[in-house]
């Protein structure tokens, strides 16, 4: 089990989320921060996500743009419970981890678990497939709204 990664900074390239990813990929990919780890033509797939979030994003700059406004919705305070599974023959790494914080709009707690399957070539991330718990996002954001 990993130590807890905490940071009071806004959701930027060195936030708890990105720092725990960098910890899990230490020695496998090169870069000063999360975005530096990405190949220019990286492909991200969000397999289990929330409505309105893209299912596929291609290119490093598009990933940077996607995450740029995240801090307007969720304020992360820590990330922990990192588990790393590596297949050296295929250059695939499976990361399991949790993030913690609160919704900026509602103030409700946000605790989510992720599984990210990462392919590394030339010491850069070339493919990312992500699974998260959408109910955790709904609970923190307070939606969908109750009917009645």
N, C-alpha and C. Protein backbone atom coordinates (compact mmCIF):
# COMPACT_ATOMS: atom_id res chain seq x y z
N UNK A 1 0.83 -1.17 0.00
CA UNK A 1 0.00 0.00 0.00
C UNK A 1 0.88 1.24 0.00
N UNK A 2 0.44 2.22 -0.74
CA UNK A 2 1.20 3.43 -0.94
C UNK A 2 0.93 4.45 0.15
N UNK A 3 1.85 5.37 0.31
CA UNK A 3 1.60 6.50 1.19
C UNK A 3 0.54 7.39 0.55
N UNK A 4 -0.07 8.25 1.31
CA UNK A 4 -1.06 9.17 0.79
C UNK A 4 -0.35 10.36 0.16
N UNK A 5 -0.78 10.73 -1.03
CA UNK A 5 -0.24 11.89 -1.72
C UNK A 5 -1.22 13.02 -1.50
N UNK A 6 -0.78 14.11 -0.87
CA UNK A 6 -1.67 15.24 -0.58
C UNK A 6 -1.11 16.52 -1.16
N UNK A 7 -2.01 17.44 -1.50
CA UNK A 7 -1.60 18.72 -2.04
C UNK A 7 -2.78 19.66 -1.94
N UNK A 8 -2.57 20.87 -1.48
CA UNK A 8 -3.64 21.85 -1.40
C UNK A 8 -3.72 22.72 -2.64
N UNK A 9 -2.85 22.47 -3.63
CA UNK A 9 -2.85 23.26 -4.85
C UNK A 9 -4.08 22.94 -5.70
N UNK A 10 -4.44 23.83 -6.64
CA UNK A 10 -5.55 23.53 -7.53
C UNK A 10 -5.25 22.30 -8.38
N UNK A 11 -6.26 21.82 -9.07
CA UNK A 11 -6.10 20.60 -9.87
C UNK A 11 -5.22 20.93 -11.07
N UNK A 12 -3.91 20.83 -10.88
CA UNK A 12 -2.95 21.09 -11.94
C UNK A 12 -2.12 19.85 -12.16
N UNK A 13 -1.06 19.99 -12.90
CA UNK A 13 -0.23 18.86 -13.29
C UNK A 13 0.42 18.18 -12.10
N UNK A 14 0.46 18.81 -10.96
CA UNK A 14 1.06 18.18 -9.78
C UNK A 14 0.04 17.95 -8.67
N UNK A 15 -1.23 17.87 -9.01
CA UNK A 15 -2.26 17.59 -8.01
C UNK A 15 -2.11 16.16 -7.51
N UNK A 16 -2.80 15.79 -6.44
CA UNK A 16 -2.69 14.43 -5.91
C UNK A 16 -2.98 13.35 -6.95
N UNK A 17 -3.96 13.57 -7.81
CA UNK A 17 -4.28 12.59 -8.86
C UNK A 17 -3.09 12.34 -9.75
N UNK A 18 -2.52 13.41 -10.28
CA UNK A 18 -1.42 13.26 -11.21
C UNK A 18 -0.16 12.76 -10.52
N UNK A 19 0.05 13.18 -9.28
CA UNK A 19 1.26 12.73 -8.58
C UNK A 19 1.21 11.25 -8.25
N UNK A 20 0.03 10.70 -7.94
CA UNK A 20 -0.02 9.26 -7.64
C UNK A 20 0.21 8.45 -8.92
N UNK A 21 -0.23 8.99 -10.06
CA UNK A 21 0.03 8.33 -11.33
C UNK A 21 1.54 8.33 -11.60
N UNK A 22 2.16 9.46 -11.40
CA UNK A 22 3.61 9.56 -11.61
C UNK A 22 4.35 8.59 -10.68
N UNK A 23 3.88 8.47 -9.44
CA UNK A 23 4.49 7.51 -8.50
C UNK A 23 4.35 6.08 -9.03
N UNK A 24 3.19 5.74 -9.55
CA UNK A 24 2.96 4.39 -10.05
C UNK A 24 3.77 4.06 -11.29
N UNK A 25 4.17 5.07 -12.04
CA UNK A 25 4.92 4.86 -13.28
C UNK A 25 6.41 5.19 -13.13
N UNK A 26 6.83 5.42 -11.90
CA UNK A 26 8.23 5.79 -11.66
C UNK A 26 9.18 4.75 -12.25
N UNK A 27 10.16 5.25 -12.98
CA UNK A 27 11.15 4.39 -13.61
C UNK A 27 10.70 3.80 -14.94
N UNK A 28 9.44 4.02 -15.31
CA UNK A 28 8.92 3.46 -16.56
C UNK A 28 8.67 4.51 -17.63
N UNK A 29 8.36 5.74 -17.21
CA UNK A 29 8.08 6.81 -18.15
C UNK A 29 8.79 8.07 -17.68
N UNK A 30 9.18 8.90 -18.64
CA UNK A 30 9.94 10.11 -18.34
C UNK A 30 9.07 11.35 -18.42
N UNK A 31 9.30 12.27 -17.47
CA UNK A 31 8.62 13.55 -17.48
C UNK A 31 8.63 14.16 -16.11
N UNK A 32 8.62 15.50 -16.06
CA UNK A 32 8.63 16.21 -14.78
C UNK A 32 7.27 16.21 -14.10
N UNK A 33 6.19 16.19 -14.89
CA UNK A 33 4.85 16.14 -14.33
C UNK A 33 4.01 15.20 -15.18
N UNK A 34 2.75 15.02 -14.82
CA UNK A 34 1.88 14.08 -15.52
C UNK A 34 1.84 14.34 -17.02
N UNK A 35 1.63 15.58 -17.42
CA UNK A 35 1.49 15.88 -18.84
C UNK A 35 2.79 15.63 -19.60
N UNK A 36 3.93 15.79 -18.95
CA UNK A 36 5.22 15.48 -19.59
C UNK A 36 5.38 13.99 -19.86
N UNK A 37 4.64 13.15 -19.13
CA UNK A 37 4.72 11.71 -19.34
C UNK A 37 4.05 11.27 -20.63
N UNK A 38 3.19 12.11 -21.20
CA UNK A 38 2.36 11.74 -22.34
C UNK A 38 3.08 11.93 -23.67
N UNK A 39 2.93 10.95 -24.56
CA UNK A 39 3.39 11.10 -25.94
C UNK A 39 2.50 12.14 -26.62
N UNK A 40 3.01 12.82 -27.63
CA UNK A 40 2.23 13.83 -28.34
C UNK A 40 0.95 13.25 -28.93
N UNK A 41 1.00 11.98 -29.38
CA UNK A 41 -0.16 11.36 -30.02
C UNK A 41 -0.89 10.38 -29.09
N UNK A 42 -0.80 10.59 -27.79
CA UNK A 42 -1.43 9.71 -26.81
C UNK A 42 -2.94 9.60 -27.07
N UNK A 43 -3.50 8.44 -26.76
CA UNK A 43 -4.94 8.20 -26.88
C UNK A 43 -5.47 7.84 -25.50
N UNK A 44 -6.52 8.55 -25.05
CA UNK A 44 -7.19 8.26 -23.78
C UNK A 44 -8.58 7.74 -24.09
N UNK A 45 -8.94 6.62 -23.46
CA UNK A 45 -10.29 6.08 -23.53
C UNK A 45 -10.88 6.11 -22.13
N UNK A 46 -12.08 6.66 -22.01
CA UNK A 46 -12.79 6.67 -20.74
C UNK A 46 -13.94 5.67 -20.88
N UNK A 47 -13.70 4.45 -20.43
CA UNK A 47 -14.63 3.35 -20.65
C UNK A 47 -15.84 3.47 -19.74
N UNK A 48 -15.61 3.62 -18.44
CA UNK A 48 -16.69 3.86 -17.49
C UNK A 48 -16.48 5.27 -16.96
N UNK A 49 -17.44 6.14 -17.24
CA UNK A 49 -17.29 7.55 -16.91
C UNK A 49 -18.65 8.12 -16.54
N UNK A 50 -18.86 9.39 -16.80
CA UNK A 50 -20.12 10.06 -16.50
C UNK A 50 -20.67 10.70 -17.77
N UNK A 51 -22.00 10.91 -17.83
CA UNK A 51 -22.59 11.54 -19.01
C UNK A 51 -21.94 12.90 -19.29
N UNK A 52 -21.73 13.17 -20.56
CA UNK A 52 -21.15 14.44 -20.96
C UNK A 52 -19.64 14.45 -21.03
N UNK A 53 -18.99 13.41 -20.47
CA UNK A 53 -17.53 13.34 -20.52
C UNK A 53 -17.15 12.59 -21.79
N UNK A 54 -16.11 13.02 -22.48
CA UNK A 54 -15.76 12.34 -23.74
C UNK A 54 -15.34 10.89 -23.51
N UNK A 55 -15.63 10.05 -24.46
CA UNK A 55 -15.24 8.64 -24.39
C UNK A 55 -13.84 8.42 -24.95
N UNK A 56 -13.40 9.29 -25.85
CA UNK A 56 -12.10 9.15 -26.51
C UNK A 56 -11.50 10.54 -26.72
N UNK A 57 -10.25 10.69 -26.33
CA UNK A 57 -9.52 11.94 -26.54
C UNK A 57 -8.16 11.57 -27.11
N UNK A 58 -7.80 12.21 -28.21
CA UNK A 58 -6.53 11.94 -28.86
C UNK A 58 -5.64 13.18 -28.80
N UNK A 59 -4.37 12.97 -28.45
CA UNK A 59 -3.38 14.03 -28.45
C UNK A 59 -3.13 14.65 -27.09
N UNK A 60 -1.86 14.88 -26.81
CA UNK A 60 -1.42 15.43 -25.53
C UNK A 60 -2.09 16.76 -25.22
N UNK A 61 -2.11 17.69 -26.19
CA UNK A 61 -2.69 19.00 -25.94
C UNK A 61 -4.18 18.90 -25.63
N UNK A 62 -4.89 17.99 -26.27
CA UNK A 62 -6.32 17.81 -25.99
C UNK A 62 -6.56 17.28 -24.58
N UNK A 63 -5.64 16.46 -24.07
CA UNK A 63 -5.75 15.99 -22.68
C UNK A 63 -5.51 17.15 -21.72
N UNK A 64 -4.51 17.96 -22.01
CA UNK A 64 -4.24 19.13 -21.17
C UNK A 64 -5.48 20.03 -21.14
N UNK A 65 -6.08 20.27 -22.30
CA UNK A 65 -7.27 21.12 -22.38
C UNK A 65 -8.44 20.50 -21.62
N UNK A 66 -8.60 19.18 -21.70
CA UNK A 66 -9.70 18.50 -21.01
C UNK A 66 -9.59 18.68 -19.50
N UNK A 67 -8.39 18.53 -18.95
CA UNK A 67 -8.21 18.61 -17.51
C UNK A 67 -8.11 20.04 -16.98
N UNK A 68 -7.94 21.00 -17.88
CA UNK A 68 -7.72 22.39 -17.45
C UNK A 68 -8.83 22.89 -16.52
N UNK A 69 -10.08 22.58 -16.79
CA UNK A 69 -11.18 23.11 -15.97
C UNK A 69 -11.65 22.19 -14.86
N UNK A 70 -10.96 21.08 -14.63
CA UNK A 70 -11.41 20.09 -13.64
C UNK A 70 -11.52 20.69 -12.24
N UNK A 71 -10.62 21.58 -11.91
CA UNK A 71 -10.62 22.20 -10.58
C UNK A 71 -11.84 23.06 -10.32
N UNK A 72 -12.60 23.40 -11.36
CA UNK A 72 -13.84 24.13 -11.19
C UNK A 72 -14.95 23.23 -10.64
N UNK A 73 -14.75 21.91 -10.72
CA UNK A 73 -15.78 20.95 -10.31
C UNK A 73 -15.40 20.15 -9.08
N UNK A 74 -14.17 19.67 -9.04
CA UNK A 74 -13.71 18.85 -7.92
C UNK A 74 -12.41 19.42 -7.36
N UNK A 75 -12.34 19.51 -6.03
CA UNK A 75 -11.12 19.94 -5.35
C UNK A 75 -10.55 18.71 -4.66
N UNK A 76 -9.46 18.19 -5.19
CA UNK A 76 -8.85 16.99 -4.63
C UNK A 76 -7.89 17.36 -3.51
N UNK A 77 -7.91 16.56 -2.45
CA UNK A 77 -7.02 16.80 -1.32
C UNK A 77 -5.98 15.70 -1.16
N UNK A 78 -6.28 14.48 -1.65
CA UNK A 78 -5.31 13.40 -1.52
C UNK A 78 -5.62 12.28 -2.49
N UNK A 79 -4.65 11.41 -2.65
CA UNK A 79 -4.78 10.19 -3.45
C UNK A 79 -4.00 9.10 -2.73
N UNK A 80 -4.54 7.88 -2.71
CA UNK A 80 -3.88 6.82 -1.96
C UNK A 80 -4.27 5.44 -2.49
N UNK A 81 -3.89 4.43 -1.73
CA UNK A 81 -4.19 3.03 -2.02
C UNK A 81 -3.73 2.60 -3.42
N UNK A 82 -2.56 3.06 -3.79
CA UNK A 82 -1.97 2.73 -5.09
C UNK A 82 -1.54 1.27 -5.13
N UNK A 83 -1.98 0.60 -6.18
CA UNK A 83 -1.51 -0.75 -6.49
C UNK A 83 -1.05 -0.73 -7.93
N UNK A 84 0.12 -1.29 -8.19
CA UNK A 84 0.71 -1.26 -9.52
C UNK A 84 0.93 -2.69 -9.98
N UNK A 85 0.44 -2.99 -11.18
CA UNK A 85 0.61 -4.31 -11.79
C UNK A 85 1.28 -4.08 -13.15
N UNK A 86 2.44 -4.70 -13.37
CA UNK A 86 3.20 -4.45 -14.59
C UNK A 86 3.37 -5.73 -15.41
N UNK A 87 3.22 -5.57 -16.71
CA UNK A 87 3.54 -6.64 -17.66
C UNK A 87 4.70 -6.12 -18.51
N UNK A 88 5.89 -6.52 -18.16
CA UNK A 88 7.09 -6.00 -18.81
C UNK A 88 7.17 -6.38 -20.29
N UNK A 89 6.60 -7.51 -20.66
CA UNK A 89 6.67 -7.95 -22.06
C UNK A 89 5.83 -7.08 -22.97
N UNK A 90 4.69 -6.60 -22.49
CA UNK A 90 3.80 -5.80 -23.34
C UNK A 90 3.87 -4.31 -23.04
N UNK A 91 4.67 -3.91 -22.08
CA UNK A 91 4.79 -2.50 -21.65
C UNK A 91 3.46 -1.93 -21.16
N UNK A 92 2.63 -2.78 -20.56
CA UNK A 92 1.35 -2.36 -20.02
C UNK A 92 1.45 -2.33 -18.50
N UNK A 93 0.89 -1.27 -17.91
CA UNK A 93 0.85 -1.10 -16.47
C UNK A 93 -0.61 -0.87 -16.07
N UNK A 94 -1.06 -1.60 -15.06
CA UNK A 94 -2.39 -1.38 -14.51
C UNK A 94 -2.22 -0.68 -13.16
N UNK A 95 -2.87 0.47 -13.03
CA UNK A 95 -2.82 1.24 -11.80
C UNK A 95 -4.20 1.22 -11.15
N UNK A 96 -4.24 0.86 -9.88
CA UNK A 96 -5.46 0.97 -9.08
C UNK A 96 -5.16 2.02 -8.02
N UNK A 97 -6.09 2.95 -7.80
CA UNK A 97 -5.84 4.02 -6.84
C UNK A 97 -7.16 4.68 -6.47
N UNK A 98 -7.11 5.51 -5.43
CA UNK A 98 -8.28 6.26 -4.98
C UNK A 98 -7.91 7.73 -4.88
N UNK A 99 -8.91 8.59 -5.12
CA UNK A 99 -8.73 10.02 -4.92
C UNK A 99 -9.80 10.51 -3.94
N UNK A 100 -9.48 11.59 -3.22
CA UNK A 100 -10.36 12.12 -2.19
C UNK A 100 -10.38 13.64 -2.27
N UNK A 101 -11.53 14.20 -2.02
CA UNK A 101 -11.67 15.66 -2.04
C UNK A 101 -13.11 16.03 -1.82
N UNK A 102 -13.55 17.09 -2.52
CA UNK A 102 -14.95 17.50 -2.41
C UNK A 102 -15.38 18.18 -3.69
N UNK A 103 -16.69 18.20 -3.90
CA UNK A 103 -17.27 18.92 -5.03
C UNK A 103 -17.19 20.41 -4.75
N UNK A 104 -16.73 21.17 -5.72
CA UNK A 104 -16.64 22.62 -5.57
C UNK A 104 -18.04 23.22 -5.49
N UNK A 105 -18.99 22.72 -6.29
CA UNK A 105 -20.34 23.29 -6.31
C UNK A 105 -21.15 22.95 -5.06
N UNK A 106 -21.07 21.70 -4.59
CA UNK A 106 -21.95 21.27 -3.48
C UNK A 106 -21.25 21.21 -2.14
N UNK A 107 -19.94 21.11 -2.13
CA UNK A 107 -19.19 20.92 -0.90
C UNK A 107 -19.24 19.49 -0.38
N UNK A 108 -19.93 18.60 -1.10
CA UNK A 108 -20.03 17.20 -0.68
C UNK A 108 -18.70 16.48 -0.88
N UNK A 109 -18.44 15.47 -0.03
CA UNK A 109 -17.21 14.71 -0.17
C UNK A 109 -17.16 13.96 -1.50
N UNK A 110 -15.96 13.81 -2.02
CA UNK A 110 -15.72 13.06 -3.25
C UNK A 110 -14.65 12.03 -2.96
N UNK A 111 -15.02 10.77 -3.07
CA UNK A 111 -14.09 9.65 -2.89
C UNK A 111 -14.33 8.69 -4.04
N UNK A 112 -13.33 8.51 -4.88
CA UNK A 112 -13.52 7.66 -6.05
C UNK A 112 -12.36 6.69 -6.19
N UNK A 113 -12.68 5.55 -6.80
CA UNK A 113 -11.68 4.51 -7.09
C UNK A 113 -11.53 4.41 -8.60
N UNK A 114 -10.30 4.21 -9.04
CA UNK A 114 -10.00 4.14 -10.46
C UNK A 114 -9.18 2.88 -10.77
N UNK A 115 -9.33 2.43 -12.00
CA UNK A 115 -8.41 1.48 -12.61
C UNK A 115 -8.01 2.10 -13.93
N UNK A 116 -6.72 2.31 -14.11
CA UNK A 116 -6.19 2.88 -15.34
C UNK A 116 -5.21 1.89 -15.95
N UNK A 117 -5.43 1.57 -17.20
CA UNK A 117 -4.57 0.63 -17.93
C UNK A 117 -3.76 1.47 -18.91
N UNK A 118 -2.44 1.46 -18.72
CA UNK A 118 -1.55 2.37 -19.42
C UNK A 118 -0.55 1.58 -20.27
N UNK A 119 -0.39 2.01 -21.52
CA UNK A 119 0.64 1.44 -22.39
C UNK A 119 1.76 2.46 -22.53
N UNK A 120 2.99 1.99 -22.40
CA UNK A 120 4.16 2.86 -22.47
C UNK A 120 5.06 2.38 -23.60
N UNK A 121 5.43 3.33 -24.46
CA UNK A 121 6.41 3.06 -25.52
C UNK A 121 7.38 4.22 -25.57
N UNK A 122 8.67 3.92 -25.69
CA UNK A 122 9.67 4.97 -25.74
C UNK A 122 9.66 5.84 -24.50
N UNK A 123 9.32 5.25 -23.34
CA UNK A 123 9.28 5.92 -22.04
C UNK A 123 8.26 7.05 -21.98
N UNK A 124 7.21 6.96 -22.84
CA UNK A 124 6.09 7.90 -22.82
C UNK A 124 4.79 7.10 -22.85
N UNK A 125 3.73 7.66 -22.23
CA UNK A 125 2.42 7.03 -22.25
C UNK A 125 1.82 7.23 -23.63
N UNK A 126 1.45 6.11 -24.26
CA UNK A 126 0.88 6.18 -25.61
C UNK A 126 -0.62 5.85 -25.62
N UNK A 127 -1.07 5.12 -24.61
CA UNK A 127 -2.48 4.76 -24.54
C UNK A 127 -2.90 4.67 -23.07
N UNK A 128 -4.11 5.17 -22.77
CA UNK A 128 -4.64 5.20 -21.41
C UNK A 128 -6.09 4.76 -21.48
N UNK A 129 -6.45 3.74 -20.75
CA UNK A 129 -7.85 3.29 -20.67
C UNK A 129 -8.27 3.39 -19.22
N UNK A 130 -9.35 4.14 -18.96
CA UNK A 130 -9.71 4.52 -17.60
C UNK A 130 -11.10 4.01 -17.22
N UNK A 131 -11.20 3.53 -15.97
CA UNK A 131 -12.46 3.08 -15.39
C UNK A 131 -12.60 3.77 -14.04
N UNK A 132 -13.79 4.37 -13.78
CA UNK A 132 -14.03 5.01 -12.50
C UNK A 132 -15.42 4.65 -12.02
N UNK A 133 -15.74 5.06 -10.81
CA UNK A 133 -17.07 4.83 -10.24
C UNK A 133 -17.92 6.07 -10.48
N UNK A 134 -18.83 6.05 -11.48
CA UNK A 134 -19.63 7.24 -11.75
C UNK A 134 -20.56 7.62 -10.60
N UNK A 135 -20.99 6.66 -9.80
CA UNK A 135 -21.88 6.97 -8.67
C UNK A 135 -21.17 7.89 -7.68
N UNK A 136 -19.87 7.72 -7.51
CA UNK A 136 -19.12 8.61 -6.61
C UNK A 136 -19.17 10.05 -7.11
N UNK A 137 -19.09 10.22 -8.41
CA UNK A 137 -19.19 11.57 -9.00
C UNK A 137 -20.61 12.11 -8.77
N UNK A 138 -21.63 11.29 -9.05
CA UNK A 138 -23.02 11.72 -8.86
C UNK A 138 -23.27 12.13 -7.41
N UNK A 139 -22.81 11.32 -6.47
CA UNK A 139 -23.01 11.62 -5.05
C UNK A 139 -22.38 12.96 -4.67
N UNK A 140 -21.17 13.20 -5.14
CA UNK A 140 -20.48 14.45 -4.81
C UNK A 140 -21.14 15.65 -5.48
N UNK A 141 -21.54 15.47 -6.73
CA UNK A 141 -22.12 16.58 -7.49
C UNK A 141 -23.59 16.83 -7.14
N UNK A 142 -24.24 15.85 -6.54
CA UNK A 142 -25.64 16.02 -6.19
C UNK A 142 -26.59 15.81 -7.34
N UNK A 143 -26.19 15.00 -8.32
CA UNK A 143 -27.07 14.72 -9.45
C UNK A 143 -26.96 13.25 -9.81
N UNK A 144 -27.88 12.68 -10.51
CA UNK A 144 -29.04 13.40 -11.05
C UNK A 144 -29.97 13.85 -9.93
N UNK A 145 -30.68 14.93 -10.20
CA UNK A 145 -31.56 15.52 -9.20
C UNK A 145 -32.67 14.56 -8.82
N UNK A 146 -33.06 14.60 -7.56
CA UNK A 146 -34.17 13.76 -7.11
C UNK A 146 -35.45 14.20 -7.80
N UNK A 147 -36.25 13.23 -8.17
CA UNK A 147 -37.53 13.53 -8.82
C UNK A 147 -38.65 13.43 -7.81
N UNK A 148 -39.67 14.19 -8.05
CA UNK A 148 -40.79 13.99 -7.16
C UNK A 148 -41.43 15.19 -6.78
